[in-house]
Amino acid sequence: MPTELREHTGRHYAVQFHYALPDDSWAVELSEAEPAPTAWTETPDAQSHLPGTAFLVAFVPDEDPELEPTVHIHSHDEHVIPYEIMRWFMELVADQVDRCRTAFEQEVPEPVE
């Protein structure tokens, strides 16, 4: 699962992408990143942080262009999301929407006249 990490004012955030088969959608998850295990410090190119439990999940349908992407809030606790992090997340979601719609358009055959 591809993951993007970002630090903002001393806190670390992660966006993770995976395919949600039951929803026929790509899931784009935002979480607060957690420190990687200390054993990883000796591994070259190891990530310093890993995704935590997602508190925002955007579902981007890729099977039906009529379905709208949606954002779900998954949290029992209150999370304060800095504007820059929310903007970064939504830009990644918008990019995923564009990729899915472009792929769908390329798969649909042109009507024969």
PDB file of N, CA and C in Angstrom:
ATOM      1  N   MET A   1       0.836  -1.183   0.000  1.00  0.00           N
ATOM      2  CA  MET A   1       0.000   0.000   0.000  1.00  0.00           C
ATOM      3  C   MET A   1       0.880   1.246   0.000  1.00  0.00           C
ATOM      4  N   PRO A   2       0.746   2.059  -1.012  1.00  0.00           N
ATOM      5  CA  PRO A   2       1.539   3.290  -1.027  1.00  0.00           C
ATOM      6  C   PRO A   2       1.156   4.202   0.137  1.00  0.00           C
ATOM      7  N   THR A   3       2.170   4.825   0.710  1.00  0.00           N
ATOM      8  CA  THR A   3       1.969   5.722   1.842  1.00  0.00           C
ATOM      9  C   THR A   3       2.754   7.007   1.606  1.00  0.00           C
ATOM     10  N   GLU A   4       2.142   8.120   1.944  1.00  0.00           N
ATOM     11  CA  GLU A   4       2.838   9.404   1.930  1.00  0.00           C
ATOM     12  C   GLU A   4       2.844   9.938   3.352  1.00  0.00           C
ATOM     13  N   LEU A   5       3.977  10.494   3.751  1.00  0.00           N
ATOM     14  CA  LEU A   5       4.125  11.027   5.112  1.00  0.00           C
ATOM     15  C   LEU A   5       4.391  12.530   5.039  1.00  0.00           C
ATOM     16  N   ARG A   6       3.923  13.234   6.059  1.00  0.00           N
ATOM     17  CA  ARG A   6       4.186  14.674   6.141  1.00  0.00           C
ATOM     18  C   ARG A   6       4.257  15.066   7.616  1.00  0.00           C
ATOM     19  N   GLU A   7       5.197  15.954   7.906  1.00  0.00           N
ATOM     20  CA  GLU A   7       5.330  16.505   9.259  1.00  0.00           C
ATOM     21  C   GLU A   7       4.791  17.926   9.224  1.00  0.00           C
ATOM     22  N   HIS A   8       4.048  18.273  10.265  1.00  0.00           N
ATOM     23  CA  HIS A   8       3.503  19.624  10.371  1.00  0.00           C
ATOM     24  C   HIS A   8       3.522  20.028  11.837  1.00  0.00           C
ATOM     25  N   THR A   9       4.241  21.074  12.145  1.00  0.00           N
ATOM     26  CA  THR A   9       4.393  21.622  13.502  1.00  0.00           C
ATOM     27  C   THR A   9       4.688  20.539  14.543  1.00  0.00           C
ATOM     28  N   GLY A  10       5.621  19.656  14.190  1.00  0.00           N
ATOM     29  CA  GLY A  10       6.074  18.638  15.131  1.00  0.00           C
ATOM     30  C   GLY A  10       5.223  17.370  15.175  1.00  0.00           C
ATOM     31  N   ARG A  11       4.135  17.324  14.448  1.00  0.00           N
ATOM     32  CA  ARG A  11       3.300  16.116  14.397  1.00  0.00           C
ATOM     33  C   ARG A  11       3.456  15.487  13.023  1.00  0.00           C
ATOM     34  N   HIS A  12       3.315  14.175  12.986  1.00  0.00           N
ATOM     35  CA  HIS A  12       3.493  13.438  11.737  1.00  0.00           C
ATOM     36  C   HIS A  12       2.147  12.862  11.301  1.00  0.00           C
ATOM     37  N   TYR A  13       1.880  12.968  10.005  1.00  0.00           N
ATOM     38  CA  TYR A  13       0.635  12.480   9.425  1.00  0.00           C
ATOM     39  C   TYR A  13       0.963  11.556   8.270  1.00  0.00           C
ATOM     40  N   ALA A  14       0.040  10.626   7.986  1.00  0.00           N
ATOM     41  CA  ALA A  14       0.226   9.683   6.891  1.00  0.00           C
ATOM     42  C   ALA A  14      -1.044   9.616   6.056  1.00  0.00           C
ATOM     43  N   VAL A  15      -0.853   9.475   4.760  1.00  0.00           N
ATOM     44  CA  VAL A  15      -1.952   9.184   3.848  1.00  0.00           C
ATOM     45  C   VAL A  15      -1.598   7.858   3.188  1.00  0.00           C
ATOM     46  N   GLN A  16      -2.542   6.940   3.271  1.00  0.00           N
ATOM     47  CA  GLN A  16      -2.333   5.601   2.745  1.00  0.00           C
ATOM     48  C   GLN A  16      -3.413   5.303   1.705  1.00  0.00           C
ATOM     49  N   PHE A  17      -3.027   4.634   0.622  1.00  0.00           N
ATOM     50  CA  PHE A  17      -3.932   4.283  -0.462  1.00  0.00           C
ATOM     51  C   PHE A  17      -4.079   2.767  -0.523  1.00  0.00           C
ATOM     52  N   HIS A  18      -5.311   2.288  -0.655  1.00  0.00           N
ATOM     53  CA  HIS A  18      -5.528   0.858  -0.906  1.00  0.00           C
ATOM     54  C   HIS A  18      -6.876   0.680  -1.590  1.00  0.00           C
ATOM     55  N   TYR A  19      -7.048  -0.470  -2.208  1.00  0.00           N
ATOM     56  CA  TYR A  19      -8.309  -0.734  -2.905  1.00  0.00           C
ATOM     57  C   TYR A  19      -9.276  -1.399  -1.946  1.00  0.00           C
ATOM     58  N   ALA A  20     -10.476  -0.827  -1.827  1.00  0.00           N
ATOM     59  CA  ALA A  20     -11.525  -1.373  -0.959  1.00  0.00           C
ATOM     60  C   ALA A  20     -12.464  -2.174  -1.858  1.00  0.00           C
ATOM     61  N   LEU A  21     -12.208  -3.459  -1.974  1.00  0.00           N
ATOM     62  CA  LEU A  21     -12.947  -4.315  -2.892  1.00  0.00           C
ATOM     63  C   LEU A  21     -14.459  -4.307  -2.666  1.00  0.00           C
ATOM     64  N   PRO A  22     -14.933  -4.382  -1.416  1.00  0.00           N
ATOM     65  CA  PRO A  22     -16.394  -4.386  -1.232  1.00  0.00           C
ATOM     66  C   PRO A  22     -17.070  -3.113  -1.751  1.00  0.00           C
ATOM     67  N   ASP A  23     -16.337  -2.009  -1.776  1.00  0.00           N
ATOM     68  CA  ASP A  23     -16.905  -0.728  -2.209  1.00  0.00           C
ATOM     69  C   ASP A  23     -16.586  -0.415  -3.672  1.00  0.00           C
ATOM     70  N   ASP A  24     -15.794  -1.277  -4.340  1.00  0.00           N
ATOM     71  CA  ASP A  24     -15.321  -0.987  -5.696  1.00  0.00           C
ATOM     72  C   ASP A  24     -14.763   0.433  -5.764  1.00  0.00           C
ATOM     73  N   SER A  25     -13.937   0.758  -4.794  1.00  0.00           N
ATOM     74  CA  SER A  25     -13.397   2.112  -4.676  1.00  0.00           C
ATOM     75  C   SER A  25     -11.966   2.063  -4.154  1.00  0.00           C
ATOM     76  N   TRP A  26     -11.252   3.128  -4.473  1.00  0.00           N
ATOM     77  CA  TRP A  26      -9.967   3.348  -3.836  1.00  0.00           C
ATOM     78  C   TRP A  26     -10.224   4.057  -2.516  1.00  0.00           C
ATOM     79  N   ALA A  27      -9.563   3.604  -1.478  1.00  0.00           N
ATOM     80  CA  ALA A  27      -9.653   4.255  -0.172  1.00  0.00           C
ATOM     81  C   ALA A  27      -8.383   5.070   0.035  1.00  0.00           C
ATOM     82  N   VAL A  28      -8.571   6.319   0.407  1.00  0.00           N
ATOM     83  CA  VAL A  28      -7.458   7.215   0.712  1.00  0.00           C
ATOM     84  C   VAL A  28      -7.634   7.576   2.185  1.00  0.00           C
ATOM     85  N   GLU A  29      -6.712   7.122   3.025  1.00  0.00           N
ATOM     86  CA  GLU A  29      -6.860   7.237   4.476  1.00  0.00           C
ATOM     87  C   GLU A  29      -5.882   8.244   5.068  1.00  0.00           C
ATOM     88  N   LEU A  30      -6.397   9.102   5.939  1.00  0.00           N
ATOM     89  CA  LEU A  30      -5.558  10.041   6.684  1.00  0.00           C
ATOM     90  C   LEU A  30      -5.472   9.578   8.123  1.00  0.00           C
ATOM     91  N   SER A  31      -4.250   9.537   8.638  1.00  0.00           N
ATOM     92  CA  SER A  31      -4.041   9.161  10.036  1.00  0.00           C
ATOM     93  C   SER A  31      -2.880   9.964  10.598  1.00  0.00           C
ATOM     94  N   GLU A  32      -2.789   9.944  11.909  1.00  0.00           N
ATOM     95  CA  GLU A  32      -1.592  10.484  12.540  1.00  0.00           C
ATOM     96  C   GLU A  32      -0.558   9.361  12.496  1.00  0.00           C
ATOM     97  N   ALA A  33       0.643   9.685  12.036  1.00  0.00           N
ATOM     98  CA  ALA A  33       1.682   8.663  11.899  1.00  0.00           C
ATOM     99  C   ALA A  33       2.301   8.363  13.252  1.00  0.00           C
ATOM    100  N   GLU A  34       2.701   7.110  13.408  1.00  0.00           N
ATOM    101  CA  GLU A  34       3.314   6.648  14.652  1.00  0.00           C
ATOM    102  C   GLU A  34       4.783   6.326  14.390  1.00  0.00           C
ATOM    103  N   PRO A  35       5.629   6.505  15.381  1.00  0.00           N
ATOM    104  CA  PRO A  35       7.048   6.178  15.177  1.00  0.00           C
ATOM    105  C   PRO A  35       7.229   4.702  14.803  1.00  0.00           C
ATOM    106  N   ALA A  36       8.138   4.469  13.877  1.00  0.00           N
ATOM    107  CA  ALA A  36       8.471   3.101  13.479  1.00  0.00           C
ATOM    108  C   ALA A  36       9.215   2.414  14.629  1.00  0.00           C
ATOM    109  N   PRO A  37       9.225   1.091  14.633  1.00  0.00           N
ATOM    110  CA  PRO A  37       9.962   0.378  15.689  1.00  0.00           C
ATOM    111  C   PRO A  37      11.431   0.793  15.720  1.00  0.00           C
ATOM    112  N   THR A  38      11.988   0.873  16.915  1.00  0.00           N
ATOM    113  CA  THR A  38      13.384   1.297  17.060  1.00  0.00           C
ATOM    114  C   THR A  38      14.338   0.337  16.352  1.00  0.00           C
ATOM    115  N   ALA A  39      13.946  -0.916  16.183  1.00  0.00           N
ATOM    116  CA  ALA A  39      14.799  -1.888  15.492  1.00  0.00           C
ATOM    117  C   ALA A  39      15.036  -1.484  14.036  1.00  0.00           C
ATOM    118  N   TRP A  40      14.182  -0.654  13.489  1.00  0.00           N
ATOM    119  CA  TRP A  40      14.319  -0.238  12.096  1.00  0.00           C
ATOM    120  C   TRP A  40      15.408   0.811  11.891  1.00  0.00           C
ATOM    121  N   THR A  41      15.903   1.412  12.973  1.00  0.00           N
ATOM    122  CA  THR A  41      16.864   2.504  12.828  1.00  0.00           C
ATOM    123  C   THR A  41      18.143   2.072  12.126  1.00  0.00           C
ATOM    124  N   GLU A  42      18.477   0.790  12.204  1.00  0.00           N
ATOM    125  CA  GLU A  42      19.689   0.292  11.562  1.00  0.00           C
ATOM    126  C   GLU A  42      19.452  -0.124  10.112  1.00  0.00           C
ATOM    127  N   THR A  43      18.213  -0.115   9.676  1.00  0.00           N
ATOM    128  CA  THR A  43      17.883  -0.516   8.311  1.00  0.00           C
ATOM    129  C   THR A  43      17.976   0.700   7.390  1.00  0.00           C
ATOM    130  N   PRO A  44      18.798   0.615   6.345  1.00  0.00           N
ATOM    131  CA  PRO A  44      18.902   1.748   5.415  1.00  0.00           C
ATOM    132  C   PRO A  44      17.552   2.035   4.747  1.00  0.00           C
ATOM    133  N   ASP A  45      17.238   3.300   4.570  1.00  0.00           N
ATOM    134  CA  ASP A  45      16.022   3.766   3.897  1.00  0.00           C
ATOM    135  C   ASP A  45      14.715   3.350   4.602  1.00  0.00           C
ATOM    136  N   ALA A  46      14.794   2.931   5.848  1.00  0.00           N
ATOM    137  CA  ALA A  46      13.579   2.573   6.578  1.00  0.00           C
ATOM    138  C   ALA A  46      12.807   3.838   6.935  1.00  0.00           C
ATOM    139  N   GLN A  47      11.493   3.750   6.908  1.00  0.00           N
ATOM    140  CA  GLN A  47      10.674   4.895   7.276  1.00  0.00           C
ATOM    141  C   GLN A  47      10.784   5.152   8.770  1.00  0.00           C
ATOM    142  N   SER A  48      10.720   6.423   9.141  1.00  0.00           N
ATOM    143  CA  SER A  48      10.792   6.777  10.553  1.00  0.00           C
ATOM    144  C   SER A  48       9.418   6.718  11.212  1.00  0.00           C
ATOM    145  N   HIS A  49       8.360   6.777  10.383  1.00  0.00           N
ATOM    146  CA  HIS A  49       6.993   6.735  10.901  1.00  0.00           C
ATOM    147  C   HIS A  49       6.129   5.832  10.027  1.00  0.00           C
ATOM    148  N   LEU A  50       5.099   5.278  10.640  1.00  0.00           N
ATOM    149  CA  LEU A  50       4.157   4.408   9.949  1.00  0.00           C
ATOM    150  C   LEU A  50       2.739   4.950  10.127  1.00  0.00           C
ATOM    151  N   PRO A  51       1.833   4.642   9.199  1.00  0.00           N
ATOM    152  CA  PRO A  51       0.452   5.105   9.367  1.00  0.00           C
ATOM    153  C   PRO A  51      -0.164   4.544  10.643  1.00  0.00           C
ATOM    154  N   GLY A  52      -0.958   5.369  11.289  1.00  0.00           N
ATOM    155  CA  GLY A  52      -1.707   4.922  12.455  1.00  0.00           C
ATOM    156  C   GLY A  52      -3.116   4.539  12.027  1.00  0.00           C
ATOM    157  N   THR A  53      -4.033   4.579  12.961  1.00  0.00           N
ATOM    158  CA  THR A  53      -5.430   4.274  12.665  1.00  0.00           C
ATOM    159  C   THR A  53      -6.051   5.454  11.931  1.00  0.00           C
ATOM    160  N   ALA A  54      -6.673   5.170  10.797  1.00  0.00           N
ATOM    161  CA  ALA A  54      -7.255   6.230   9.969  1.00  0.00           C
ATOM    162  C   ALA A  54      -8.417   6.904  10.685  1.00  0.00           C
ATOM    163  N   PHE A  55      -8.460   8.239  10.603  1.00  0.00           N
ATOM    164  CA  PHE A  55      -9.606   8.957  11.150  1.00  0.00           C
ATOM    165  C   PHE A  55     -10.414   9.652  10.056  1.00  0.00           C
ATOM    166  N   LEU A  56      -9.868   9.763   8.860  1.00  0.00           N
ATOM    167  CA  LEU A  56     -10.619  10.228   7.688  1.00  0.00           C
ATOM    168  C   LEU A  56     -10.332   9.255   6.556  1.00  0.00           C
ATOM    169  N   VAL A  57     -11.394   8.821   5.865  1.00  0.00           N
ATOM    170  CA  VAL A  57     -11.218   7.925   4.733  1.00  0.00           C
ATOM    171  C   VAL A  57     -12.063   8.443   3.579  1.00  0.00           C
ATOM    172  N   ALA A  58     -11.415   8.704   2.461  1.00  0.00           N
ATOM    173  CA  ALA A  58     -12.130   9.089   1.243  1.00  0.00           C
ATOM    174  C   ALA A  58     -12.248   7.841   0.375  1.00  0.00           C
ATOM    175  N   PHE A  59     -13.453   7.573  -0.106  1.00  0.00           N
ATOM    176  CA  PHE A  59     -13.682   6.469  -1.024  1.00  0.00           C
ATOM    177  C   PHE A  59     -13.895   7.049  -2.414  1.00  0.00           C
ATOM    178  N   VAL A  60     -13.065   6.601  -3.353  1.00  0.00           N
ATOM    179  CA  VAL A  60     -13.110   7.101  -4.725  1.00  0.00           C
ATOM    180  C   VAL A  60     -13.518   5.947  -5.634  1.00  0.00           C
ATOM    181  N   PRO A  61     -14.779   5.927  -6.073  1.00  0.00           N
ATOM    182  CA  PRO A  61     -15.248   4.830  -6.934  1.00  0.00           C
ATOM    183  C   PRO A  61     -14.506   4.813  -8.269  1.00  0.00           C
ATOM    184  N   ASP A  62     -14.172   3.619  -8.739  1.00  0.00           N
ATOM    185  CA  ASP A  62     -13.501   3.529 -10.032  1.00  0.00           C
ATOM    186  C   ASP A  62     -14.247   2.626 -11.011  1.00  0.00           C
ATOM    187  N   GLU A  63     -15.409   2.116 -10.612  1.00  0.00           N
ATOM    188  CA  GLU A  63     -16.187   1.247 -11.487  1.00  0.00           C
ATOM    189  C   GLU A  63     -17.361   1.969 -12.135  1.00  0.00           C
ATOM    190  N   ASP A  64     -17.872   2.991 -11.485  1.00  0.00           N
ATOM    191  CA  ASP A  64     -19.056   3.701 -11.968  1.00  0.00           C
ATOM    192  C   ASP A  64     -18.800   5.203 -11.885  1.00  0.00           C
ATOM    193  N   PRO A  65     -18.659   5.874 -13.029  1.00  0.00           N
ATOM    194  CA  PRO A  65     -18.340   7.310 -12.999  1.00  0.00           C
ATOM    195  C   PRO A  65     -19.484   8.164 -12.459  1.00  0.00           C
ATOM    196  N   GLU A  66     -20.659   7.592 -12.316  1.00  0.00           N
ATOM    197  CA  GLU A  66     -21.795   8.335 -11.782  1.00  0.00           C
ATOM    198  C   GLU A  66     -21.736   8.444 -10.249  1.00  0.00           C
ATOM    199  N   LEU A  67     -20.999   7.548  -9.610  1.00  0.00           N
ATOM    200  CA  LEU A  67     -20.895   7.579  -8.147  1.00  0.00           C
ATOM    201  C   LEU A  67     -19.934   8.678  -7.714  1.00  0.00           C
ATOM    202  N   GLU A  68     -20.332   9.419  -6.686  1.00  0.00           N
ATOM    203  CA  GLU A  68     -19.491  10.493  -6.160  1.00  0.00           C
ATOM    204  C   GLU A  68     -18.494   9.962  -5.142  1.00  0.00           C
ATOM    205  N   PRO A  69     -17.300  10.525  -5.122  1.00  0.00           N
ATOM    206  CA  PRO A  69     -16.393  10.222  -4.024  1.00  0.00           C
ATOM    207  C   PRO A  69     -17.003  10.735  -2.714  1.00  0.00           C
ATOM    208  N   THR A  70     -16.707  10.071  -1.629  1.00  0.00           N
ATOM    209  CA  THR A  70     -17.219  10.469  -0.321  1.00  0.00           C
ATOM    210  C   THR A  70     -16.097  10.453   0.696  1.00  0.00           C
ATOM    211  N   VAL A  71     -16.256  11.229   1.758  1.00  0.00           N
ATOM    212  CA  VAL A  71     -15.291  11.247   2.861  1.00  0.00           C
ATOM    213  C   VAL A  71     -16.021  10.792   4.109  1.00  0.00           C
ATOM    214  N   HIS A  72     -15.447   9.799   4.783  1.00  0.00           N
ATOM    215  CA  HIS A  72     -16.031   9.238   6.002  1.00  0.00           C
ATOM    216  C   HIS A  72     -15.146   9.588   7.190  1.00  0.00           C
ATOM    217  N   ILE A  73     -15.759   9.923   8.290  1.00  0.00           N
ATOM    218  CA  ILE A  73     -15.034  10.224   9.526  1.00  0.00           C
ATOM    219  C   ILE A  73     -15.083   8.981  10.398  1.00  0.00           C
ATOM    220  N   HIS A  74     -13.922   8.465  10.753  1.00  0.00           N
ATOM    221  CA  HIS A  74     -13.810   7.256  11.571  1.00  0.00           C
ATOM    222  C   HIS A  74     -13.072   7.608  12.856  1.00  0.00           C
ATOM    223  N   SER A  75     -13.804   8.047  13.857  1.00  0.00           N
ATOM    224  CA  SER A  75     -13.115   8.429  15.084  1.00  0.00           C
ATOM    225  C   SER A  75     -14.096   8.488  16.246  1.00  0.00           C
ATOM    226  N   HIS A  76     -13.652   7.980  17.368  1.00  0.00           N
ATOM    227  CA  HIS A  76     -14.432   8.134  18.596  1.00  0.00           C
ATOM    228  C   HIS A  76     -13.945   9.351  19.373  1.00  0.00           C
ATOM    229  N   ASP A  77     -12.719   9.756  19.073  1.00  0.00           N
ATOM    230  CA  ASP A  77     -12.125  10.912  19.740  1.00  0.00           C
ATOM    231  C   ASP A  77     -12.143  12.109  18.798  1.00  0.00           C
ATOM    232  N   GLU A  78     -12.025  13.270  19.371  1.00  0.00           N
ATOM    233  CA  GLU A  78     -11.927  14.472  18.552  1.00  0.00           C
ATOM    234  C   GLU A  78     -10.516  14.576  18.003  1.00  0.00           C
ATOM    235  N   HIS A  79     -10.412  14.861  16.720  1.00  0.00           N
ATOM    236  CA  HIS A  79      -9.115  15.092  16.084  1.00  0.00           C
ATOM    237  C   HIS A  79      -9.108  16.497  15.518  1.00  0.00           C
ATOM    238  N   VAL A  80      -8.071  17.222  15.812  1.00  0.00           N
ATOM    239  CA  VAL A  80      -7.890  18.543  15.237  1.00  0.00           C
ATOM    240  C   VAL A  80      -6.952  18.348  14.058  1.00  0.00           C
ATOM    241  N   ILE A  81      -7.424  18.704  12.879  1.00  0.00           N
ATOM    242  CA  ILE A  81      -6.624  18.533  11.673  1.00  0.00           C
ATOM    243  C   ILE A  81      -6.205  19.914  11.190  1.00  0.00           C
ATOM    244  N   PRO A  82      -4.904  20.192  11.181  1.00  0.00           N
ATOM    245  CA  PRO A  82      -4.457  21.491  10.690  1.00  0.00           C
ATOM    246  C   PRO A  82      -4.892  21.705   9.238  1.00  0.00           C
ATOM    247  N   TYR A  83      -5.166  22.943   8.914  1.00  0.00           N
ATOM    248  CA  TYR A  83      -5.622  23.295   7.575  1.00  0.00           C
ATOM    249  C   TYR A  83      -4.689  22.756   6.497  1.00  0.00           C
ATOM    250  N   GLU A  84      -3.382  22.936   6.664  1.00  0.00           N
ATOM    251  CA  GLU A  84      -2.416  22.492   5.652  1.00  0.00           C
ATOM    252  C   GLU A  84      -2.467  20.983   5.454  1.00  0.00           C
ATOM    253  N   ILE A  85      -2.690  20.228   6.519  1.00  0.00           N
ATOM    254  CA  ILE A  85      -2.780  18.770   6.412  1.00  0.00           C
ATOM    255  C   ILE A  85      -4.078  18.377   5.711  1.00  0.00           C
ATOM    256  N   MET A  86      -5.184  19.044   6.048  1.00  0.00           N
ATOM    257  CA  MET A  86      -6.453  18.757   5.387  1.00  0.00           C
ATOM    258  C   MET A  86      -6.365  19.082   3.902  1.00  0.00           C
ATOM    259  N   ARG A  87      -5.731  20.184   3.597  1.00  0.00           N
ATOM    260  CA  ARG A  87      -5.568  20.583   2.195  1.00  0.00           C
ATOM    261  C   ARG A  87      -4.717  19.560   1.439  1.00  0.00           C
ATOM    262  N   TRP A  88      -3.626  19.116   2.044  1.00  0.00           N
ATOM    263  CA  TRP A  88      -2.756  18.089   1.457  1.00  0.00           C
ATOM    264  C   TRP A  88      -3.554  16.811   1.205  1.00  0.00           C
ATOM    265  N   PHE A  89      -4.330  16.370   2.197  1.00  0.00           N
ATOM    266  CA  PHE A  89      -5.153  15.170   2.063  1.00  0.00           C
ATOM    267  C   PHE A  89      -6.143  15.317   0.907  1.00  0.00           C
ATOM    268  N   MET A  90      -6.850  16.447   0.861  1.00  0.00           N
ATOM    269  CA  MET A  90      -7.860  16.639  -0.176  1.00  0.00           C
ATOM    270  C   MET A  90      -7.220  16.766  -1.568  1.00  0.00           C
ATOM    271  N   GLU A  91      -6.016  17.295  -1.654  1.00  0.00           N
ATOM    272  CA  GLU A  91      -5.314  17.329  -2.947  1.00  0.00           C
ATOM    273  C   GLU A  91      -4.995  15.912  -3.416  1.00  0.00           C
ATOM    274  N   LEU A  92      -4.575  15.054  -2.487  1.00  0.00           N
ATOM    275  CA  LEU A  92      -4.300  13.656  -2.837  1.00  0.00           C
ATOM    276  C   LEU A  92      -5.584  12.940  -3.246  1.00  0.00           C
ATOM    277  N   VAL A  93      -6.687  13.239  -2.561  1.00  0.00           N
ATOM    278  CA  VAL A  93      -7.981  12.654  -2.934  1.00  0.00           C
ATOM    279  C   VAL A  93      -8.374  13.136  -4.330  1.00  0.00           C
ATOM    280  N   ALA A  94      -8.235  14.434  -4.602  1.00  0.00           N
ATOM    281  CA  ALA A  94      -8.587  14.979  -5.915  1.00  0.00           C
ATOM    282  C   ALA A  94      -7.742  14.335  -7.020  1.00  0.00           C
ATOM    283  N   ASP A  95      -6.469  14.109  -6.753  1.00  0.00           N
ATOM    284  CA  ASP A  95      -5.608  13.439  -7.730  1.00  0.00           C
ATOM    285  C   ASP A  95      -6.099  12.016  -7.998  1.00  0.00           C
ATOM    286  N   GLN A  96      -6.525  11.322  -6.945  1.00  0.00           N
ATOM    287  CA  GLN A  96      -7.029   9.956  -7.102  1.00  0.00           C
ATOM    288  C   GLN A  96      -8.332   9.961  -7.906  1.00  0.00           C
ATOM    289  N   VAL A  97      -9.204  10.936  -7.657  1.00  0.00           N
ATOM    290  CA  VAL A  97     -10.444  11.069  -8.429  1.00  0.00           C
ATOM    291  C   VAL A  97     -10.101  11.262  -9.908  1.00  0.00           C
ATOM    292  N   ASP A  98      -9.161  12.146 -10.201  1.00  0.00           N
ATOM    293  CA  ASP A  98      -8.761  12.388 -11.587  1.00  0.00           C
ATOM    294  C   ASP A  98      -8.216  11.123 -12.243  1.00  0.00           C
ATOM    295  N   ARG A  99      -7.373  10.371 -11.528  1.00  0.00           N
ATOM    296  CA  ARG A  99      -6.810   9.135 -12.083  1.00  0.00           C
ATOM    297  C   ARG A  99      -7.910   8.122 -12.386  1.00  0.00           C
ATOM    298  N   CYS A 100      -8.859   7.969 -11.465  1.00  0.00           N
ATOM    299  CA  CYS A 100      -9.939   6.992 -11.664  1.00  0.00           C
ATOM    300  C   CYS A 100     -10.838   7.390 -12.837  1.00  0.00           C
ATOM    301  N   ARG A 101     -11.160   8.655 -12.925  1.00  0.00           N
ATOM    302  CA  ARG A 101     -12.027   9.117 -14.022  1.00  0.00           C
ATOM    303  C   ARG A 101     -11.318   9.022 -15.361  1.00  0.00           C
ATOM    304  N   THR A 102     -10.041   9.341 -15.396  1.00  0.00           N
ATOM    305  CA  THR A 102      -9.272   9.222 -16.638  1.00  0.00           C
ATOM    306  C   THR A 102      -9.198   7.761 -17.074  1.00  0.00           C
ATOM    307  N   ALA A 103      -8.931   6.875 -16.138  1.00  0.00           N
ATOM    308  CA  ALA A 103      -8.860   5.444 -16.461  1.00  0.00           C
ATOM    309  C   ALA A 103     -10.199   4.936 -16.972  1.00  0.00           C
ATOM    310  N   PHE A 104     -11.278   5.377 -16.339  1.00  0.00           N
ATOM    311  CA  PHE A 104     -12.598   4.936 -16.781  1.00  0.00           C
ATOM    312  C   PHE A 104     -12.886   5.431 -18.194  1.00  0.00           C
ATOM    313  N   GLU A 105     -12.563   6.673 -18.486  1.00  0.00           N
ATOM    314  CA  GLU A 105     -12.795   7.230 -19.821  1.00  0.00           C
ATOM    315  C   GLU A 105     -12.001   6.481 -20.882  1.00  0.00           C
ATOM    316  N   GLN A 106     -10.810   6.027 -20.537  1.00  0.00           N
ATOM    317  CA  GLN A 106      -9.981   5.293 -21.491  1.00  0.00           C
ATOM    318  C   GLN A 106     -10.519   3.893 -21.753  1.00  0.00           C
ATOM    319  N   GLU A 107     -11.268   3.340 -20.799  1.00  0.00           N
ATOM    320  CA  GLU A 107     -11.820   1.991 -20.942  1.00  0.00           C
ATOM    321  C   GLU A 107     -13.140   1.974 -21.708  1.00  0.00           C
ATOM    322  N   VAL A 108     -13.874   3.066 -21.702  1.00  0.00           N
ATOM    323  CA  VAL A 108     -15.175   3.127 -22.348  1.00  0.00           C
ATOM    324  C   VAL A 108     -14.982   3.288 -23.847  1.00  0.00           C
ATOM    325  N   PRO A 109     -15.505   2.339 -24.657  1.00  0.00           N
ATOM    326  CA  PRO A 109     -15.350   2.467 -26.103  1.00  0.00           C
ATOM    327  C   PRO A 109     -16.212   3.606 -26.654  1.00  0.00           C
ATOM    328  N   GLU A 110     -15.706   4.243 -27.680  1.00  0.00           N
ATOM    329  CA  GLU A 110     -16.451   5.319 -28.334  1.00  0.00           C
ATOM    330  C   GLU A 110     -17.666   4.706 -29.044  1.00  0.00           C
ATOM    331  N   PRO A 111     -18.819   5.403 -29.038  1.00  0.00           N
ATOM    332  CA  PRO A 111     -19.983   4.871 -29.744  1.00  0.00           C
ATOM    333  C   PRO A 111     -19.735   4.862 -31.262  1.00  0.00           C
ATOM    334  N   VAL A 112     -20.241   3.832 -31.909  1.00  0.00           N
ATOM    335  CA  VAL A 112     -20.107   3.710 -33.354  1.00  0.00           C
ATOM    336  C   VAL A 112     -21.241   4.479 -34.013  1.00  0.00           C
ATOM    337  N   GLU A 113     -20.894   5.314 -34.980  1.00  0.00           N
ATOM    338  CA  GLU A 113     -21.932   6.116 -35.658  1.00  0.00           C
ATOM    339  C   GLU A 113     -22.419   5.422 -36.885  1.00  0.00           C
TER     340      GLU A 113
END
